[in-house]
N, C-alpha and C. Protein backbone atom coordinates (compact mmCIF):
# COMPACT_ATOMS: atom_id res chain seq x y z
N MET A 1 84.93 120.79 44.56
CA MET A 1 83.38 120.85 44.67
C MET A 1 82.86 120.20 45.82
N LYS A 2 83.36 119.05 46.23
CA LYS A 2 82.90 118.47 47.40
C LYS A 2 83.00 119.30 48.69
N LYS A 3 83.94 120.09 48.85
CA LYS A 3 84.32 120.83 49.99
C LYS A 3 83.31 121.79 50.09
N ARG A 4 82.90 122.47 48.95
CA ARG A 4 81.82 123.43 48.95
C ARG A 4 80.50 122.93 49.35
N ARG A 5 80.33 121.60 48.88
CA ARG A 5 78.76 121.17 49.23
C ARG A 5 78.88 120.77 50.68
N SER A 6 79.94 120.13 51.24
CA SER A 6 79.77 119.88 52.62
C SER A 6 79.82 121.12 53.44
N ARG A 7 80.42 122.11 52.92
CA ARG A 7 80.08 123.47 53.89
C ARG A 7 78.73 123.94 53.92
N ARG A 8 78.13 123.78 52.64
CA ARG A 8 76.75 124.19 52.52
C ARG A 8 75.93 123.34 53.45
N LEU A 9 76.03 122.06 53.45
CA LEU A 9 75.34 121.30 54.36
C LEU A 9 75.48 121.46 55.76
N GLU A 10 76.68 121.91 56.16
CA GLU A 10 77.00 122.16 57.59
C GLU A 10 76.16 123.55 57.89
N ASP A 11 76.25 124.45 56.92
CA ASP A 11 75.58 125.72 57.15
C ASP A 11 74.12 125.49 57.20
N GLU A 12 73.63 124.60 56.40
CA GLU A 12 72.16 124.43 56.44
C GLU A 12 71.67 123.52 57.60
N GLU A 13 72.68 122.76 58.35
CA GLU A 13 72.18 122.03 59.50
C GLU A 13 71.99 122.88 60.47
N PRO A 14 70.87 122.65 61.35
CA PRO A 14 70.50 123.47 62.49
C PRO A 14 71.54 123.44 63.53
N LYS A 15 71.69 124.50 64.20
CA LYS A 15 72.65 124.51 65.27
C LYS A 15 72.49 123.41 66.43
N ALA A 16 71.01 123.24 66.76
CA ALA A 16 70.69 122.33 67.70
C ALA A 16 71.21 120.83 67.37
N VAL A 17 71.00 120.65 66.12
CA VAL A 17 71.69 119.21 65.60
C VAL A 17 72.99 119.06 65.88
N ARG A 18 73.66 120.10 65.51
CA ARG A 18 75.39 120.09 65.85
C ARG A 18 75.65 119.83 67.15
N GLU A 19 74.88 120.52 67.92
CA GLU A 19 75.17 120.47 69.55
C GLU A 19 74.78 118.96 69.89
N MET A 20 73.78 118.48 69.48
CA MET A 20 73.31 117.19 69.70
C MET A 20 74.39 116.09 69.51
N ARG A 21 74.92 115.96 68.31
CA ARG A 21 76.04 115.42 67.92
C ARG A 21 77.32 115.54 68.76
N LYS A 22 77.61 116.66 69.24
CA LYS A 22 78.83 116.99 69.93
C LYS A 22 78.50 116.44 71.33
N ASN A 23 77.27 116.64 71.83
CA ASN A 23 76.97 115.94 73.17
C ASN A 23 76.92 114.45 73.15
N LYS A 24 76.56 113.89 72.01
CA LYS A 24 76.52 112.39 71.86
C LYS A 24 77.96 111.88 71.87
N ASN A 25 78.85 112.59 71.38
CA ASN A 25 80.23 112.08 71.23
C ASN A 25 80.92 112.24 72.64
N LYS A 26 80.62 113.32 73.26
CA LYS A 26 81.08 113.55 74.58
C LYS A 26 80.63 112.39 75.56
N GLN A 27 79.30 112.12 75.29
CA GLN A 27 78.83 110.95 76.23
C GLN A 27 79.44 109.63 75.98
N ILE A 28 79.78 109.39 74.53
CA ILE A 28 80.58 108.27 74.41
C ILE A 28 81.84 108.14 74.98
N GLU A 29 82.43 109.19 74.99
CA GLU A 29 83.75 109.29 75.73
C GLU A 29 83.54 109.13 76.99
N LYS A 30 82.69 109.62 77.81
CA LYS A 30 82.58 109.37 79.17
C LYS A 30 82.19 107.97 79.58
N ASP A 31 81.30 107.27 78.70
CA ASP A 31 81.10 105.82 78.85
C ASP A 31 82.27 105.08 78.75
N ASN A 32 83.11 105.31 77.71
CA ASN A 32 84.33 104.69 77.62
C ASN A 32 85.12 104.74 79.02
N LYS A 33 85.22 105.97 79.33
CA LYS A 33 85.90 106.15 80.57
C LYS A 33 85.51 105.45 81.80
N LYS A 34 84.30 105.58 81.90
CA LYS A 34 83.53 104.74 83.11
C LYS A 34 83.60 103.29 83.06
N GLY A 35 83.87 102.75 81.82
CA GLY A 35 83.89 101.33 81.70
C GLY A 35 82.73 100.56 81.28
N LYS A 36 81.85 101.51 80.64
CA LYS A 36 80.63 100.77 80.12
C LYS A 36 80.91 99.95 78.93
N ARG A 37 81.86 100.51 78.03
CA ARG A 37 82.39 99.61 77.07
C ARG A 37 83.61 99.35 77.20
N VAL A 38 83.73 97.92 77.35
CA VAL A 38 85.05 97.16 77.72
C VAL A 38 85.77 96.93 76.35
N SER A 39 86.99 97.28 76.34
CA SER A 39 87.85 97.04 75.17
C SER A 39 88.53 95.55 75.47
N LYS A 40 89.09 95.07 74.46
CA LYS A 40 89.80 93.87 74.59
C LYS A 40 90.93 93.86 75.46
N ASN A 41 91.73 95.08 75.54
CA ASN A 41 92.78 95.18 76.42
C ASN A 41 92.33 95.22 77.95
N ASP A 42 91.21 95.83 78.09
CA ASP A 42 90.59 95.75 79.54
C ASP A 42 90.33 94.33 80.00
N LYS A 43 89.81 93.47 78.91
CA LYS A 43 89.57 92.19 79.38
C LYS A 43 90.66 91.38 79.71
N LYS A 44 91.83 91.59 78.87
CA LYS A 44 92.92 90.85 79.10
C LYS A 44 93.65 91.24 80.54
N LYS A 45 93.48 92.64 81.05
CA LYS A 45 93.91 93.14 82.03
C LYS A 45 93.26 92.23 83.07
N ARG A 46 92.00 92.33 83.08
CA ARG A 46 91.23 91.69 84.18
C ARG A 46 91.54 90.24 84.27
N ARG A 47 91.59 89.66 83.12
CA ARG A 47 92.07 88.02 83.20
C ARG A 47 93.41 87.88 83.91
N ARG A 48 94.44 88.82 83.53
CA ARG A 48 95.73 88.65 84.20
C ARG A 48 95.59 88.90 85.66
N LYS A 49 94.82 89.84 86.11
CA LYS A 49 94.71 90.13 87.52
C LYS A 49 93.93 88.97 88.28
N ILE A 50 93.00 88.54 87.64
CA ILE A 50 92.37 87.27 88.34
C ILE A 50 93.46 86.09 88.46
N ILE A 51 94.19 85.85 87.33
CA ILE A 51 95.00 84.63 87.30
C ILE A 51 96.13 84.92 88.28
N LEU A 52 96.68 86.15 88.43
CA LEU A 52 97.73 86.51 89.55
C LEU A 52 97.16 86.24 90.79
N THR A 53 95.96 86.80 91.16
CA THR A 53 95.48 86.68 92.32
C THR A 53 95.20 85.22 92.68
N VAL A 54 94.78 84.30 91.76
CA VAL A 54 94.70 82.94 92.09
C VAL A 54 95.96 82.40 92.38
N ILE A 55 97.02 82.62 91.65
CA ILE A 55 98.42 82.06 91.90
C ILE A 55 98.84 82.59 93.08
N ALA A 56 98.69 83.74 93.66
CA ALA A 56 99.08 84.36 94.97
C ALA A 56 98.38 83.50 96.05
N VAL A 57 97.13 83.25 95.88
CA VAL A 57 96.59 82.56 96.92
C VAL A 57 97.10 81.01 97.00
N ILE A 58 97.25 80.52 95.81
CA ILE A 58 97.80 79.03 95.88
C ILE A 58 99.08 79.08 96.59
N ILE A 59 100.02 79.99 96.21
CA ILE A 59 101.34 80.01 96.83
C ILE A 59 101.15 80.22 98.27
N LEU A 60 100.31 81.19 98.78
CA LEU A 60 100.04 81.55 100.07
C LEU A 60 99.71 80.18 100.90
N VAL A 61 98.72 79.38 100.40
CA VAL A 61 98.19 78.39 101.00
C VAL A 61 99.29 77.20 101.16
N LEU A 62 99.90 76.93 99.91
CA LEU A 62 101.09 76.15 99.90
C LEU A 62 102.16 76.49 101.03
N GLY A 63 102.48 77.70 101.13
CA GLY A 63 103.46 78.18 102.14
C GLY A 63 103.05 77.77 103.40
N VAL A 64 101.76 78.20 103.80
CA VAL A 64 101.28 77.89 105.28
C VAL A 64 101.39 76.40 105.51
N THR A 65 100.84 75.55 104.52
CA THR A 65 100.91 74.10 104.65
C THR A 65 102.25 73.46 104.98
N LEU A 66 103.29 74.02 104.04
CA LEU A 66 104.61 73.55 104.15
C LEU A 66 105.21 73.94 105.57
N GLY A 67 104.62 75.21 106.05
CA GLY A 67 105.28 75.65 107.15
C GLY A 67 104.99 74.82 108.48
N VAL A 68 103.46 74.47 108.39
CA VAL A 68 102.98 73.73 109.46
C VAL A 68 103.51 72.36 109.53
N SER A 69 103.53 71.73 108.34
CA SER A 69 104.20 70.35 108.15
C SER A 69 105.64 70.27 108.73
N GLY A 70 106.39 71.30 108.19
CA GLY A 70 107.72 71.38 108.64
C GLY A 70 107.95 71.49 110.14
N HIS A 71 107.18 72.17 110.83
CA HIS A 71 107.21 72.32 112.26
C HIS A 71 106.84 71.07 112.90
N THR A 72 105.82 70.35 112.26
CA THR A 72 105.33 69.07 112.92
C THR A 72 106.59 68.12 112.82
N TRP A 73 107.35 68.09 111.65
CA TRP A 73 108.33 67.12 111.38
C TRP A 73 109.45 67.41 112.23
N ILE A 74 109.75 68.56 112.48
CA ILE A 74 110.88 68.90 113.36
C ILE A 74 110.56 68.52 114.82
N THR A 75 109.33 68.68 115.44
CA THR A 75 109.22 68.24 116.77
C THR A 75 109.11 66.63 116.73
N LEU A 76 108.63 66.02 115.70
CA LEU A 76 108.64 64.48 115.57
C LEU A 76 110.16 64.10 115.71
N ALA A 77 110.83 64.68 114.83
CA ALA A 77 112.30 64.29 114.77
C ALA A 77 113.08 64.48 116.08
N LYS A 78 112.75 65.50 116.83
CA LYS A 78 113.48 65.69 118.18
C LYS A 78 112.80 64.53 119.22
N ASP A 79 111.75 64.24 118.96
CA ASP A 79 111.26 63.14 119.97
C ASP A 79 111.97 61.83 119.59
N MET A 80 112.07 61.57 118.33
CA MET A 80 112.76 60.35 117.83
C MET A 80 114.14 60.13 118.28
N VAL A 81 114.91 61.43 118.21
CA VAL A 81 116.41 61.43 118.62
C VAL A 81 116.70 61.48 119.93
N SER A 82 115.82 61.84 120.76
CA SER A 82 115.99 62.08 122.19
C SER A 82 116.66 60.64 122.82
N ASN A 83 117.70 60.76 123.67
CA ASN A 83 118.46 59.88 124.42
C ASN A 83 117.77 59.41 125.79
N GLU A 84 116.57 58.99 125.67
CA GLU A 84 115.82 58.54 126.95
C GLU A 84 115.65 56.93 126.89
N SER A 85 115.62 56.49 127.93
CA SER A 85 115.47 54.99 127.85
C SER A 85 113.86 54.71 127.85
N SER A 86 113.64 53.72 127.11
CA SER A 86 112.20 53.17 126.93
C SER A 86 111.75 52.23 127.91
N ILE A 87 110.41 52.30 128.36
CA ILE A 87 109.99 51.49 129.37
C ILE A 87 108.91 50.50 128.93
N VAL A 88 109.12 49.30 129.11
CA VAL A 88 108.00 48.13 128.63
C VAL A 88 107.09 48.02 129.84
N ILE A 89 105.85 48.15 129.70
CA ILE A 89 104.75 48.12 130.69
C ILE A 89 103.95 46.98 130.36
N ASP A 90 103.42 46.08 131.25
CA ASP A 90 102.41 45.12 130.88
C ASP A 90 101.03 45.83 131.02
N THR A 91 99.88 44.93 130.85
CA THR A 91 98.53 45.50 130.79
C THR A 91 98.23 46.05 132.09
N ASP A 92 98.83 45.47 133.27
CA ASP A 92 98.39 45.91 134.57
C ASP A 92 99.01 47.25 134.96
N GLY A 93 100.11 47.78 134.25
CA GLY A 93 100.72 48.98 134.43
C GLY A 93 102.17 48.66 135.16
N ASN A 94 102.48 47.36 135.28
CA ASN A 94 103.68 46.90 136.10
C ASN A 94 104.91 47.11 135.02
N THR A 95 106.05 47.61 135.34
CA THR A 95 107.18 47.81 134.63
C THR A 95 107.89 46.45 134.50
N ILE A 96 108.04 45.92 133.19
CA ILE A 96 108.77 44.71 132.83
C ILE A 96 110.07 44.93 132.70
N ALA A 97 110.57 46.07 131.75
CA ALA A 97 112.02 46.20 131.40
C ALA A 97 112.16 47.62 131.05
N ARG A 98 113.38 47.91 131.25
CA ARG A 98 113.99 49.31 130.68
C ARG A 98 114.97 49.00 129.68
N LEU A 99 114.66 49.75 128.61
CA LEU A 99 115.58 49.59 127.43
C LEU A 99 116.35 50.88 127.21
N ARG A 100 117.69 50.69 127.07
CA ARG A 100 118.58 51.83 126.86
C ARG A 100 119.33 51.77 125.77
N ARG A 101 119.91 52.82 125.29
CA ARG A 101 120.84 52.79 124.18
C ARG A 101 122.05 52.63 124.56
């Protein structure tokens, strides 16, 4: 009997009201596609993207910093290992001594 009553109600419902309900459902689907309603999965995806972006930037900055400091260390080490003689100079600019290895 319930089926018959629901059919009667649908038949009694004006056609314009049925169309409005269909249009409302279509609009809700469009809004979901456009992102007006954000689900929990979308929020999680956004958080993951933000976290991955921050991690990538940190790695990039650390890589550049380590590269620059490594280059500086190499040039400093080359200067320390060079086999040149050292010259001792007084305040007037006169050479006092030459030190060799």
